[in-house]
Amino acid sequence: MFNETKTHEITVDTVILTLKDDSLQVLLVRREHEPFKGKWAIPGGYIRMSEDLDTAAVRVLKEKTNVDNIYLEQLYTFGDPLRHPVARVITCAYFALVRANDVSVADDENVAWHRVDNLPPLAFDHKEIIQYSLKRTRERLELCPVAYQLLNEKFTLTEMQRAYELIMGKSLDKRNFRKKVIQTEGLIELNEFSKTGSKRPARLYTFESIKLDSKRAHFIKKEKTE
């Protein structure tokens, strides 16, 4: 069934998650070529001979979506022999949690945000990859508050709880959540308050530092120009 002498191809795919319109959303691109022409997919592409994985991930994101200067974490390697219909393709998947306002998405109808709980038909095994990234993100919440990457630099505990709820896909008890999160290492209580609407101002918080506790987690930043 398989040609054992044929070499395989390697790609990188990146799941980019954000909070928009009170929902957790993922950035997708519509494929312009076969296979799966017209279907939506995670931004990805082939690795060049001269590139390492991180470099390829940054380049492909910039080319496909105009996104760069974001936090990336290597997710998993997907290598099912049948994941690609016409070739033997192994993909190294990354994922990122970003603030929607920090992402400059290409002005293109073929690049768009989609709710993770209402995804369109996807190419390849990209639904599985998105689901795996959600699983990993939820696991990371137990180790460190990665949800801060979806929040403004200064935020209320209500905003932080909502981010957790959207990631976890369930409601959380307010008292228990605050009791636990207030003890988080690196969380700083500010002498500042929110100024939204007619509601009682809520205290603002920020993070001094975050320990990611992962060798695969790193910030990949674009080079500054003079």
N, C-alpha and C. Protein backbone atom coordinates (compact mmCIF):
# COMPACT_ATOMS: atom_id res chain seq x y z
N MET A 1 0.82 -1.21 0.00
CA MET A 1 0.00 0.00 0.00
C MET A 1 0.85 1.26 0.00
N PHE A 2 1.97 1.22 0.71
CA PHE A 2 2.84 2.39 0.82
C PHE A 2 4.17 2.13 0.13
N ASN A 3 4.73 3.17 -0.45
CA ASN A 3 6.07 3.11 -1.03
C ASN A 3 7.07 3.43 0.08
N GLU A 4 7.73 2.40 0.62
CA GLU A 4 8.59 2.58 1.77
C GLU A 4 9.86 3.37 1.46
N THR A 5 10.19 3.57 0.19
CA THR A 5 11.41 4.31 -0.15
C THR A 5 11.14 5.79 -0.36
N LYS A 6 9.88 6.19 -0.42
CA LYS A 6 9.55 7.59 -0.67
C LYS A 6 9.83 8.42 0.59
N THR A 7 10.49 9.55 0.43
CA THR A 7 10.75 10.42 1.57
C THR A 7 9.49 11.16 1.97
N HIS A 8 9.43 11.58 3.21
CA HIS A 8 8.26 12.29 3.71
C HIS A 8 8.50 13.80 3.68
N GLU A 9 7.43 14.55 3.81
CA GLU A 9 7.49 16.00 3.90
C GLU A 9 7.17 16.41 5.33
N ILE A 10 7.69 17.58 5.75
CA ILE A 10 7.44 18.09 7.09
C ILE A 10 6.86 19.49 6.99
N THR A 11 5.78 19.74 7.74
CA THR A 11 5.16 21.06 7.77
C THR A 11 5.08 21.55 9.21
N VAL A 12 4.74 22.83 9.35
CA VAL A 12 4.40 23.41 10.65
C VAL A 12 2.99 23.98 10.56
N ASP A 13 2.19 23.79 11.58
CA ASP A 13 0.85 24.36 11.67
C ASP A 13 0.71 25.02 13.03
N THR A 14 0.02 26.15 13.08
CA THR A 14 -0.11 26.88 14.34
C THR A 14 -1.55 27.20 14.66
N VAL A 15 -1.98 26.76 15.84
CA VAL A 15 -3.31 27.08 16.35
C VAL A 15 -3.21 28.37 17.15
N ILE A 16 -3.86 29.43 16.67
CA ILE A 16 -3.84 30.73 17.35
C ILE A 16 -5.21 30.96 17.97
N LEU A 17 -5.24 31.07 19.30
CA LEU A 17 -6.49 31.26 20.01
C LEU A 17 -6.56 32.66 20.61
N THR A 18 -7.77 33.22 20.63
CA THR A 18 -7.97 34.54 21.23
C THR A 18 -9.39 34.62 21.78
N LEU A 19 -9.67 35.71 22.50
CA LEU A 19 -11.02 36.00 22.97
C LEU A 19 -11.60 37.13 22.14
N LYS A 20 -12.73 36.86 21.50
CA LYS A 20 -13.44 37.86 20.72
C LYS A 20 -14.94 37.65 20.90
N ASP A 21 -15.66 38.76 21.08
CA ASP A 21 -17.12 38.69 21.19
C ASP A 21 -17.55 37.68 22.24
N ASP A 22 -16.88 37.70 23.38
CA ASP A 22 -17.19 36.82 24.51
C ASP A 22 -17.18 35.35 24.10
N SER A 23 -16.20 34.97 23.29
CA SER A 23 -16.05 33.57 22.89
C SER A 23 -14.58 33.29 22.60
N LEU A 24 -14.21 32.03 22.72
CA LEU A 24 -12.85 31.60 22.38
C LEU A 24 -12.83 31.31 20.89
N GLN A 25 -11.90 31.94 20.17
CA GLN A 25 -11.88 31.81 18.72
C GLN A 25 -10.49 31.41 18.23
N VAL A 26 -10.46 30.80 17.04
CA VAL A 26 -9.23 30.33 16.44
C VAL A 26 -9.08 30.97 15.05
N LEU A 27 -7.86 31.30 14.70
CA LEU A 27 -7.59 31.92 13.40
C LEU A 27 -7.41 30.84 12.34
N LEU A 28 -8.18 30.95 11.25
CA LEU A 28 -8.13 29.97 10.17
C LEU A 28 -7.91 30.66 8.83
N VAL A 29 -7.38 29.90 7.86
CA VAL A 29 -7.21 30.40 6.50
C VAL A 29 -7.95 29.44 5.55
N ARG A 30 -8.56 30.00 4.52
CA ARG A 30 -9.26 29.18 3.54
C ARG A 30 -8.29 28.73 2.47
N ARG A 31 -8.26 27.42 2.21
CA ARG A 31 -7.31 26.88 1.26
C ARG A 31 -7.68 27.27 -0.17
N GLU A 32 -6.66 27.68 -0.93
CA GLU A 32 -6.88 28.11 -2.31
C GLU A 32 -6.54 27.02 -3.32
N HIS A 33 -5.95 25.92 -2.83
CA HIS A 33 -5.53 24.84 -3.74
C HIS A 33 -5.95 23.49 -3.16
N GLU A 34 -5.99 22.50 -4.04
CA GLU A 34 -6.23 21.12 -3.62
C GLU A 34 -4.99 20.58 -2.92
N PRO A 35 -5.14 19.63 -2.00
CA PRO A 35 -6.43 19.04 -1.59
C PRO A 35 -7.20 19.94 -0.63
N PHE A 36 -8.50 19.70 -0.54
CA PHE A 36 -9.40 20.44 0.34
C PHE A 36 -9.54 21.91 -0.07
N LYS A 37 -9.49 22.19 -1.36
CA LYS A 37 -9.66 23.55 -1.83
C LYS A 37 -11.00 24.11 -1.34
N GLY A 38 -10.97 25.33 -0.79
CA GLY A 38 -12.18 25.99 -0.31
C GLY A 38 -12.49 25.73 1.15
N LYS A 39 -11.84 24.73 1.75
CA LYS A 39 -12.08 24.47 3.16
C LYS A 39 -11.12 25.28 4.03
N TRP A 40 -11.51 25.45 5.29
CA TRP A 40 -10.68 26.22 6.23
C TRP A 40 -9.63 25.33 6.86
N ALA A 41 -8.51 25.95 7.25
CA ALA A 41 -7.40 25.19 7.81
C ALA A 41 -6.62 26.06 8.79
N ILE A 42 -5.85 25.41 9.63
CA ILE A 42 -4.91 26.11 10.50
C ILE A 42 -3.80 26.69 9.63
N PRO A 43 -3.31 27.90 9.92
CA PRO A 43 -2.19 28.45 9.15
C PRO A 43 -0.98 27.52 9.22
N GLY A 44 -0.46 27.15 8.08
CA GLY A 44 0.67 26.25 8.06
C GLY A 44 1.35 26.20 6.71
N GLY A 45 2.46 25.50 6.65
CA GLY A 45 3.19 25.37 5.39
C GLY A 45 4.41 24.49 5.55
N TYR A 46 5.09 24.25 4.44
CA TYR A 46 6.25 23.37 4.44
C TYR A 46 7.49 24.07 5.02
N ILE A 47 8.35 23.26 5.61
CA ILE A 47 9.60 23.76 6.18
C ILE A 47 10.68 23.75 5.11
N ARG A 48 11.39 24.85 5.00
CA ARG A 48 12.50 24.93 4.06
C ARG A 48 13.72 24.19 4.59
N MET A 49 14.57 23.77 3.68
CA MET A 49 15.75 23.01 4.06
C MET A 49 16.65 23.77 5.02
N SER A 50 16.66 25.09 4.92
CA SER A 50 17.57 25.91 5.73
C SER A 50 16.96 26.34 7.07
N GLU A 51 15.71 25.93 7.37
CA GLU A 51 15.01 26.42 8.55
C GLU A 51 14.95 25.39 9.68
N ASP A 52 14.97 25.91 10.92
CA ASP A 52 14.56 25.06 12.03
C ASP A 52 13.06 25.22 12.21
N LEU A 53 12.47 24.48 13.12
CA LEU A 53 11.02 24.48 13.26
C LEU A 53 10.46 25.84 13.67
N ASP A 54 11.11 26.48 14.65
CA ASP A 54 10.62 27.78 15.12
C ASP A 54 10.64 28.83 14.02
N THR A 55 11.73 28.86 13.27
CA THR A 55 11.87 29.83 12.19
C THR A 55 10.79 29.62 11.14
N ALA A 56 10.54 28.37 10.82
CA ALA A 56 9.51 28.05 9.83
C ALA A 56 8.13 28.47 10.33
N ALA A 57 7.84 28.22 11.60
CA ALA A 57 6.54 28.58 12.17
C ALA A 57 6.29 30.08 12.08
N VAL A 58 7.30 30.87 12.41
CA VAL A 58 7.17 32.33 12.35
C VAL A 58 6.98 32.80 10.92
N ARG A 59 7.78 32.25 9.99
CA ARG A 59 7.67 32.67 8.59
C ARG A 59 6.31 32.35 8.01
N VAL A 60 5.84 31.13 8.24
CA VAL A 60 4.56 30.71 7.67
C VAL A 60 3.42 31.57 8.23
N LEU A 61 3.45 31.85 9.52
CA LEU A 61 2.42 32.72 10.11
C LEU A 61 2.41 34.09 9.44
N LYS A 62 3.59 34.65 9.26
CA LYS A 62 3.69 35.98 8.65
C LYS A 62 3.17 35.95 7.21
N GLU A 63 3.53 34.93 6.45
CA GLU A 63 3.11 34.83 5.06
C GLU A 63 1.60 34.61 4.92
N LYS A 64 1.04 33.76 5.77
CA LYS A 64 -0.36 33.38 5.63
C LYS A 64 -1.34 34.35 6.29
N THR A 65 -0.91 34.99 7.39
CA THR A 65 -1.86 35.78 8.18
C THR A 65 -1.38 37.18 8.53
N ASN A 66 -0.12 37.48 8.28
CA ASN A 66 0.49 38.76 8.68
C ASN A 66 0.65 38.85 10.20
N VAL A 67 0.70 37.72 10.86
CA VAL A 67 0.85 37.68 12.31
C VAL A 67 2.29 37.36 12.67
N ASP A 68 2.85 38.15 13.60
CA ASP A 68 4.16 37.82 14.16
C ASP A 68 4.24 38.41 15.57
N ASN A 69 5.41 38.34 16.18
CA ASN A 69 5.64 38.89 17.51
C ASN A 69 4.67 38.31 18.55
N ILE A 70 4.48 37.01 18.53
CA ILE A 70 3.56 36.39 19.48
C ILE A 70 4.25 35.24 20.21
N TYR A 71 3.62 34.81 21.30
CA TYR A 71 4.09 33.67 22.07
C TYR A 71 3.67 32.39 21.36
N LEU A 72 4.60 31.48 21.22
CA LEU A 72 4.31 30.17 20.62
C LEU A 72 4.77 29.06 21.55
N GLU A 73 4.03 28.00 21.57
CA GLU A 73 4.47 26.80 22.29
C GLU A 73 4.30 25.61 21.37
N GLN A 74 5.36 24.80 21.30
CA GLN A 74 5.28 23.61 20.47
C GLN A 74 4.29 22.64 21.09
N LEU A 75 3.37 22.16 20.29
CA LEU A 75 2.24 21.38 20.79
C LEU A 75 2.48 19.88 20.71
N TYR A 76 2.63 19.37 19.49
CA TYR A 76 2.67 17.93 19.28
C TYR A 76 3.04 17.68 17.82
N THR A 77 3.53 16.49 17.53
CA THR A 77 3.82 16.12 16.16
C THR A 77 2.77 15.10 15.70
N PHE A 78 2.09 15.44 14.60
CA PHE A 78 1.03 14.59 14.06
C PHE A 78 1.56 13.88 12.82
N GLY A 79 1.54 12.54 12.84
CA GLY A 79 2.17 11.80 11.76
C GLY A 79 1.40 10.61 11.24
N ASP A 80 0.08 10.62 11.37
CA ASP A 80 -0.72 9.54 10.82
C ASP A 80 -0.44 9.42 9.31
N PRO A 81 -0.09 8.24 8.81
CA PRO A 81 0.23 8.07 7.39
C PRO A 81 -0.89 8.52 6.45
N LEU A 82 -2.13 8.55 6.95
CA LEU A 82 -3.27 8.89 6.10
C LEU A 82 -3.80 10.31 6.36
N ARG A 83 -3.06 11.12 7.11
CA ARG A 83 -3.56 12.46 7.43
C ARG A 83 -3.59 13.37 6.20
N HIS A 84 -2.76 13.09 5.21
CA HIS A 84 -2.74 13.84 3.95
C HIS A 84 -3.16 12.89 2.83
N PRO A 85 -4.11 13.27 1.98
CA PRO A 85 -4.65 12.32 0.99
C PRO A 85 -3.73 11.97 -0.17
N VAL A 86 -2.71 12.80 -0.45
CA VAL A 86 -1.90 12.53 -1.64
C VAL A 86 -0.40 12.47 -1.36
N ALA A 87 0.01 12.62 -0.10
CA ALA A 87 1.44 12.61 0.21
C ALA A 87 1.64 12.14 1.65
N ARG A 88 2.88 11.83 1.97
CA ARG A 88 3.24 11.44 3.34
C ARG A 88 3.75 12.69 4.03
N VAL A 89 2.90 13.32 4.84
CA VAL A 89 3.23 14.61 5.44
C VAL A 89 3.12 14.53 6.96
N ILE A 90 4.20 14.87 7.63
CA ILE A 90 4.23 14.96 9.09
C ILE A 90 4.21 16.43 9.45
N THR A 91 3.37 16.81 10.43
CA THR A 91 3.34 18.22 10.82
C THR A 91 3.70 18.39 12.28
N CYS A 92 4.49 19.43 12.55
CA CYS A 92 4.80 19.83 13.92
C CYS A 92 3.87 21.00 14.26
N ALA A 93 2.97 20.78 15.19
CA ALA A 93 1.96 21.79 15.51
C ALA A 93 2.41 22.67 16.67
N TYR A 94 2.10 23.95 16.56
CA TYR A 94 2.32 24.93 17.61
C TYR A 94 0.97 25.48 18.04
N PHE A 95 0.94 26.12 19.22
CA PHE A 95 -0.26 26.86 19.58
C PHE A 95 0.12 28.13 20.32
N ALA A 96 -0.79 29.10 20.28
CA ALA A 96 -0.54 30.40 20.89
C ALA A 96 -1.83 30.97 21.43
N LEU A 97 -1.73 31.65 22.58
CA LEU A 97 -2.84 32.42 23.13
C LEU A 97 -2.46 33.89 22.98
N VAL A 98 -3.29 34.67 22.31
CA VAL A 98 -2.94 36.06 22.02
C VAL A 98 -4.12 36.98 22.29
N ARG A 99 -3.81 38.23 22.55
CA ARG A 99 -4.85 39.26 22.65
C ARG A 99 -5.27 39.63 21.24
N ALA A 100 -6.56 39.69 21.00
CA ALA A 100 -7.05 39.99 19.65
C ALA A 100 -6.52 41.31 19.13
N ASN A 101 -6.40 42.31 20.00
CA ASN A 101 -5.93 43.63 19.57
C ASN A 101 -4.45 43.65 19.23
N ASP A 102 -3.72 42.62 19.68
CA ASP A 102 -2.28 42.56 19.41
C ASP A 102 -1.97 41.87 18.09
N VAL A 103 -2.98 41.31 17.46
CA VAL A 103 -2.77 40.53 16.24
C VAL A 103 -3.21 41.34 15.02
N SER A 104 -2.27 41.58 14.14
CA SER A 104 -2.57 42.28 12.89
C SER A 104 -2.83 41.24 11.81
N VAL A 105 -4.10 40.91 11.62
CA VAL A 105 -4.46 39.86 10.66
C VAL A 105 -4.52 40.44 9.25
N ALA A 106 -4.09 39.66 8.30
CA ALA A 106 -4.10 40.09 6.91
C ALA A 106 -5.51 40.51 6.48
N ASP A 107 -5.60 41.59 5.73
CA ASP A 107 -6.89 42.06 5.22
C ASP A 107 -7.29 41.20 4.03
N ASP A 108 -7.85 40.06 4.33
CA ASP A 108 -8.13 39.05 3.30
C ASP A 108 -9.34 38.25 3.73
N GLU A 109 -10.30 38.08 2.85
CA GLU A 109 -11.51 37.32 3.19
C GLU A 109 -11.22 35.85 3.45
N ASN A 110 -10.03 35.40 3.06
CA ASN A 110 -9.65 34.01 3.28
C ASN A 110 -8.90 33.80 4.58
N VAL A 111 -8.83 34.84 5.42
CA VAL A 111 -8.24 34.74 6.76
C VAL A 111 -9.26 35.29 7.74
N ALA A 112 -9.68 34.47 8.71
CA ALA A 112 -10.75 34.92 9.60
C ALA A 112 -10.73 34.16 10.92
N TRP A 113 -11.31 34.79 11.95
CA TRP A 113 -11.49 34.15 13.24
C TRP A 113 -12.77 33.31 13.23
N HIS A 114 -12.73 32.16 13.90
CA HIS A 114 -13.90 31.29 14.01
C HIS A 114 -14.03 30.80 15.45
N ARG A 115 -15.26 30.73 15.95
CA ARG A 115 -15.49 30.20 17.29
C ARG A 115 -15.09 28.73 17.35
N VAL A 116 -14.39 28.34 18.41
CA VAL A 116 -13.95 26.96 18.52
C VAL A 116 -15.12 26.01 18.78
N ASP A 117 -16.24 26.56 19.27
CA ASP A 117 -17.41 25.71 19.49
C ASP A 117 -18.36 25.70 18.29
N ASN A 118 -17.94 26.32 17.19
CA ASN A 118 -18.76 26.33 15.98
C ASN A 118 -17.85 26.41 14.74
N LEU A 119 -17.01 25.41 14.59
CA LEU A 119 -16.01 25.41 13.52
C LEU A 119 -16.63 25.02 12.18
N PRO A 120 -16.12 25.59 11.09
CA PRO A 120 -16.56 25.16 9.76
C PRO A 120 -15.89 23.84 9.41
N PRO A 121 -16.28 23.18 8.31
CA PRO A 121 -15.57 21.97 7.88
C PRO A 121 -14.08 22.28 7.67
N LEU A 122 -13.22 21.47 8.26
CA LEU A 122 -11.79 21.74 8.24
C LEU A 122 -11.04 20.73 7.36
N ALA A 123 -9.91 21.18 6.83
CA ALA A 123 -9.05 20.33 6.01
C ALA A 123 -8.21 19.41 6.90
N PHE A 124 -7.75 18.32 6.29
CA PHE A 124 -6.82 17.38 6.93
C PHE A 124 -7.36 16.92 8.30
N ASP A 125 -6.46 16.86 9.30
CA ASP A 125 -6.84 16.49 10.66
C ASP A 125 -6.84 17.72 11.57
N HIS A 126 -7.14 18.88 11.00
CA HIS A 126 -6.99 20.12 11.75
C HIS A 126 -8.00 20.28 12.88
N LYS A 127 -9.15 19.63 12.78
CA LYS A 127 -10.08 19.64 13.90
C LYS A 127 -9.45 18.93 15.10
N GLU A 128 -8.79 17.82 14.83
CA GLU A 128 -8.11 17.07 15.89
C GLU A 128 -7.00 17.91 16.52
N ILE A 129 -6.26 18.63 15.69
CA ILE A 129 -5.17 19.46 16.20
C ILE A 129 -5.72 20.57 17.09
N ILE A 130 -6.81 21.21 16.68
CA ILE A 130 -7.42 22.27 17.49
C ILE A 130 -7.90 21.70 18.82
N GLN A 131 -8.54 20.55 18.78
CA GLN A 131 -9.04 19.92 20.00
C GLN A 131 -7.89 19.57 20.93
N TYR A 132 -6.77 19.11 20.36
CA TYR A 132 -5.61 18.78 21.18
C TYR A 132 -5.02 20.04 21.82
N SER A 133 -5.02 21.15 21.08
CA SER A 133 -4.49 22.41 21.62
C SER A 133 -5.36 22.90 22.79
N LEU A 134 -6.67 22.69 22.69
CA LEU A 134 -7.56 23.05 23.80
C LEU A 134 -7.26 22.19 25.03
N LYS A 135 -7.05 20.92 24.80
CA LYS A 135 -6.71 20.01 25.90
C LYS A 135 -5.42 20.45 26.57
N ARG A 136 -4.41 20.77 25.79
CA ARG A 136 -3.13 21.21 26.34
C ARG A 136 -3.30 22.53 27.10
N THR A 137 -4.06 23.47 26.55
CA THR A 137 -4.26 24.75 27.20
C THR A 137 -4.95 24.57 28.55
N ARG A 138 -5.96 23.70 28.58
CA ARG A 138 -6.66 23.45 29.84
C ARG A 138 -5.74 22.80 30.88
N GLU A 139 -4.86 21.93 30.42
CA GLU A 139 -3.89 21.33 31.33
C GLU A 139 -2.92 22.37 31.87
N ARG A 140 -2.54 23.32 31.01
CA ARG A 140 -1.59 24.36 31.42
C ARG A 140 -2.19 25.27 32.47
N LEU A 141 -3.52 25.45 32.45
CA LEU A 141 -4.18 26.29 33.45
C LEU A 141 -3.98 25.74 34.86
N GLU A 142 -3.78 24.42 34.96
CA GLU A 142 -3.56 23.81 36.26
C GLU A 142 -2.15 24.08 36.78
N LEU A 143 -1.23 24.44 35.87
CA LEU A 143 0.16 24.66 36.25
C LEU A 143 0.51 26.13 36.40
N CYS A 144 -0.05 26.95 35.52
CA CYS A 144 0.22 28.38 35.56
C CYS A 144 -0.90 29.11 34.82
N PRO A 145 -1.10 30.38 35.13
CA PRO A 145 -2.24 31.13 34.54
C PRO A 145 -1.98 31.58 33.11
N VAL A 146 -1.90 30.65 32.17
CA VAL A 146 -1.62 31.04 30.79
C VAL A 146 -2.73 31.90 30.20
N ALA A 147 -3.90 31.93 30.85
CA ALA A 147 -5.00 32.75 30.34
C ALA A 147 -4.64 34.23 30.34
N TYR A 148 -3.61 34.62 31.12
CA TYR A 148 -3.23 36.04 31.15
C TYR A 148 -2.84 36.54 29.76
N GLN A 149 -2.43 35.63 28.88
CA GLN A 149 -2.03 36.03 27.53
C GLN A 149 -3.21 36.52 26.69
N LEU A 150 -4.43 36.24 27.16
CA LEU A 150 -5.64 36.67 26.46
C LEU A 150 -6.17 37.98 27.02
N LEU A 151 -5.60 38.44 28.14
CA LEU A 151 -6.11 39.61 28.84
C LEU A 151 -5.28 40.84 28.53
N ASN A 152 -5.85 42.00 28.81
CA ASN A 152 -5.08 43.23 28.75
C ASN A 152 -4.01 43.20 29.82
N GLU A 153 -3.03 44.08 29.72
CA GLU A 153 -1.95 44.11 30.70
C GLU A 153 -2.50 44.30 32.11
N LYS A 154 -3.53 45.12 32.24
CA LYS A 154 -4.22 45.31 33.52
C LYS A 154 -5.64 44.78 33.37
N PHE A 155 -6.10 44.00 34.31
CA PHE A 155 -7.38 43.32 34.18
C PHE A 155 -8.04 43.16 35.54
N THR A 156 -9.35 42.91 35.51
CA THR A 156 -10.08 42.62 36.74
C THR A 156 -10.14 41.11 36.94
N LEU A 157 -10.45 40.69 38.16
CA LEU A 157 -10.58 39.26 38.41
C LEU A 157 -11.78 38.68 37.69
N THR A 158 -12.80 39.50 37.45
CA THR A 158 -13.95 39.05 36.68
C THR A 158 -13.55 38.73 35.24
N GLU A 159 -12.70 39.58 34.66
CA GLU A 159 -12.22 39.35 33.30
C GLU A 159 -11.35 38.09 33.24
N MET A 160 -10.54 37.90 34.28
CA MET A 160 -9.70 36.71 34.31
C MET A 160 -10.54 35.45 34.46
N GLN A 161 -11.56 35.49 35.31
CA GLN A 161 -12.42 34.34 35.47
C GLN A 161 -13.15 34.01 34.18
N ARG A 162 -13.59 35.04 33.44
CA ARG A 162 -14.29 34.79 32.19
C ARG A 162 -13.36 34.13 31.17
N ALA A 163 -12.10 34.53 31.15
CA ALA A 163 -11.14 33.90 30.25
C ALA A 163 -10.99 32.42 30.59
N TYR A 164 -10.89 32.11 31.87
CA TYR A 164 -10.80 30.72 32.31
C TYR A 164 -12.05 29.94 31.88
N GLU A 165 -13.22 30.53 32.06
CA GLU A 165 -14.46 29.84 31.73
C GLU A 165 -14.55 29.54 30.24
N LEU A 166 -14.12 30.48 29.41
CA LEU A 166 -14.19 30.27 27.97
C LEU A 166 -13.21 29.19 27.52
N ILE A 167 -12.05 29.12 28.17
CA ILE A 167 -11.09 28.08 27.84
C ILE A 167 -11.58 26.72 28.33
N MET A 168 -12.08 26.69 29.55
CA MET A 168 -12.52 25.42 30.15
C MET A 168 -13.86 24.95 29.59
N GLY A 169 -14.64 25.89 29.05
CA GLY A 169 -15.95 25.52 28.51
C GLY A 169 -16.98 25.26 29.58
N LYS A 170 -16.85 25.92 30.74
CA LYS A 170 -17.82 25.73 31.81
C LYS A 170 -17.76 26.91 32.77
N SER A 171 -18.82 27.09 33.56
CA SER A 171 -18.87 28.16 34.54
C SER A 171 -18.08 27.78 35.78
N LEU A 172 -17.50 28.79 36.44
CA LEU A 172 -16.72 28.56 37.65
C LEU A 172 -17.32 29.33 38.81
N ASP A 173 -17.22 28.77 40.00
CA ASP A 173 -17.72 29.44 41.18
C ASP A 173 -16.86 30.65 41.49
N LYS A 174 -17.47 31.81 41.60
CA LYS A 174 -16.74 33.07 41.77
C LYS A 174 -15.89 33.07 43.02
N ARG A 175 -16.46 32.66 44.16
CA ARG A 175 -15.71 32.71 45.42
C ARG A 175 -14.52 31.77 45.39
N ASN A 176 -14.72 30.55 44.94
CA ASN A 176 -13.62 29.58 44.90
C ASN A 176 -12.54 30.01 43.91
N PHE A 177 -12.96 30.54 42.77
CA PHE A 177 -11.98 30.98 41.78
C PHE A 177 -11.10 32.07 42.35
N ARG A 178 -11.70 33.08 42.96
CA ARG A 178 -10.93 34.20 43.49
C ARG A 178 -10.02 33.77 44.64
N LYS A 179 -10.51 32.88 45.46
CA LYS A 179 -9.69 32.40 46.57
C LYS A 179 -8.43 31.72 46.06
N LYS A 180 -8.57 30.96 44.98
CA LYS A 180 -7.43 30.24 44.42
C LYS A 180 -6.51 31.17 43.64
N VAL A 181 -7.08 32.01 42.77
CA VAL A 181 -6.27 32.80 41.86
C VAL A 181 -5.51 33.91 42.59
N ILE A 182 -6.06 34.40 43.71
CA ILE A 182 -5.41 35.49 44.43
C ILE A 182 -4.07 35.06 45.01
N GLN A 183 -3.86 33.73 45.12
CA GLN A 183 -2.61 33.20 45.65
C GLN A 183 -1.59 32.89 44.55
N THR A 184 -1.94 33.20 43.30
CA THR A 184 -1.06 32.89 42.18
C THR A 184 0.24 33.68 42.26
N GLU A 185 1.33 32.99 42.13
CA GLU A 185 2.65 33.63 42.16
C GLU A 185 2.78 34.61 40.99
N GLY A 186 3.22 35.82 41.29
CA GLY A 186 3.42 36.83 40.25
C GLY A 186 2.25 37.76 40.05
N LEU A 187 1.08 37.44 40.64
CA LEU A 187 -0.09 38.32 40.50
C LEU A 187 0.06 39.52 41.42
N ILE A 188 -0.14 40.71 40.87
CA ILE A 188 0.02 41.95 41.63
C ILE A 188 -1.30 42.70 41.69
N GLU A 189 -1.69 43.07 42.89
CA GLU A 189 -2.89 43.89 43.09
C GLU A 189 -2.50 45.35 42.94
N LEU A 190 -3.16 46.05 42.02
CA LEU A 190 -2.84 47.44 41.75
C LEU A 190 -3.75 48.39 42.53
N ASN A 191 -3.26 49.58 42.76
CA ASN A 191 -4.08 50.62 43.38
C ASN A 191 -4.81 51.40 42.29
N GLU A 192 -5.41 50.64 41.38
CA GLU A 192 -6.15 51.22 40.26
C GLU A 192 -7.46 50.46 40.09
N PHE A 193 -8.43 51.13 39.46
CA PHE A 193 -9.75 50.52 39.31
C PHE A 193 -10.26 50.70 37.89
N SER A 194 -11.09 49.77 37.45
CA SER A 194 -11.66 49.85 36.11
C SER A 194 -12.63 51.01 36.02
N LYS A 195 -12.82 51.51 34.81
CA LYS A 195 -13.73 52.63 34.60
C LYS A 195 -14.69 52.30 33.47
N THR A 196 -15.43 51.22 33.64
CA THR A 196 -16.33 50.77 32.58
C THR A 196 -17.77 50.94 32.99
N GLY A 197 -18.51 51.73 32.22
CA GLY A 197 -19.95 51.88 32.42
C GLY A 197 -20.31 52.46 33.77
N SER A 198 -21.51 52.13 34.24
CA SER A 198 -22.02 52.67 35.50
C SER A 198 -21.82 51.71 36.66
N LYS A 199 -21.19 50.55 36.39
CA LYS A 199 -20.97 49.58 37.45
C LYS A 199 -19.92 50.08 38.43
N ARG A 200 -19.97 49.49 39.62
CA ARG A 200 -18.99 49.83 40.63
C ARG A 200 -17.59 49.50 40.13
N PRO A 201 -16.65 50.44 40.23
CA PRO A 201 -15.29 50.17 39.74
C PRO A 201 -14.69 48.94 40.41
N ALA A 202 -14.02 48.11 39.61
CA ALA A 202 -13.40 46.90 40.12
C ALA A 202 -11.89 47.08 40.15
N ARG A 203 -11.25 46.50 41.14
CA ARG A 203 -9.81 46.62 41.27
C ARG A 203 -9.10 45.95 40.09
N LEU A 204 -8.00 46.53 39.66
CA LEU A 204 -7.21 45.99 38.57
C LEU A 204 -6.02 45.20 39.10
N TYR A 205 -5.62 44.23 38.32
CA TYR A 205 -4.47 43.38 38.65
C TYR A 205 -3.56 43.28 37.43
N THR A 206 -2.34 42.83 37.67
CA THR A 206 -1.42 42.54 36.57
C THR A 206 -0.49 41.43 37.02
N PHE A 207 0.32 40.94 36.09
CA PHE A 207 1.30 39.91 36.43
C PHE A 207 2.70 40.49 36.33
N GLU A 208 3.47 40.27 37.37
CA GLU A 208 4.87 40.69 37.35
C GLU A 208 5.70 39.74 36.51
N SER A 209 5.40 38.46 36.67
CA SER A 209 6.13 37.45 35.91
C SER A 209 5.31 36.17 35.90
N ILE A 210 5.61 35.32 34.94
CA ILE A 210 4.94 34.02 34.82
C ILE A 210 6.00 32.95 34.62
N LYS A 211 5.91 31.89 35.41
CA LYS A 211 6.79 30.75 35.21
C LYS A 211 6.04 29.72 34.38
N LEU A 212 6.48 29.52 33.14
CA LEU A 212 5.77 28.65 32.22
C LEU A 212 6.06 27.17 32.47
N ASP A 213 7.21 26.88 33.07
CA ASP A 213 7.54 25.50 33.42
C ASP A 213 7.42 24.56 32.23
N SER A 214 7.95 25.00 31.09
CA SER A 214 7.91 24.15 29.91
C SER A 214 9.10 24.46 29.02
N LYS A 215 9.85 23.43 28.63
CA LYS A 215 10.98 23.64 27.74
C LYS A 215 10.53 23.96 26.32
N ARG A 216 9.25 23.70 26.02
CA ARG A 216 8.76 23.95 24.68
C ARG A 216 8.09 25.32 24.55
N ALA A 217 8.04 26.07 25.66
CA ALA A 217 7.35 27.36 25.64
C ALA A 217 8.36 28.49 25.50
N HIS A 218 8.11 29.39 24.61
CA HIS A 218 9.03 30.49 24.40
C HIS A 218 8.34 31.61 23.62
N PHE A 219 8.88 32.82 23.79
CA PHE A 219 8.40 33.93 23.01
C PHE A 219 9.25 34.04 21.75
N ILE A 220 8.59 34.22 20.62
CA ILE A 220 9.31 34.43 19.37
C ILE A 220 8.96 35.84 18.91
N LYS A 221 9.92 36.72 18.90
CA LYS A 221 9.64 38.12 18.62
C LYS A 221 10.29 38.55 17.33
N LYS A 222 9.62 39.48 16.65
CA LYS A 222 10.22 40.03 15.43
C LYS A 222 11.36 40.95 15.83
N GLU A 223 12.34 41.07 14.97
CA GLU A 223 13.47 41.92 15.25
C GLU A 223 13.07 43.39 15.15
N LYS A 224 13.56 44.18 16.09
CA LYS A 224 13.25 45.60 16.06
C LYS A 224 14.09 46.30 15.00
N THR A 225 13.47 47.24 14.34
CA THR A 225 14.18 48.02 13.33
C THR A 225 14.43 49.41 13.86
N GLU A 226 15.56 49.94 13.54
CA GLU A 226 15.92 51.30 14.00
C GLU A 226 15.14 52.35 13.21
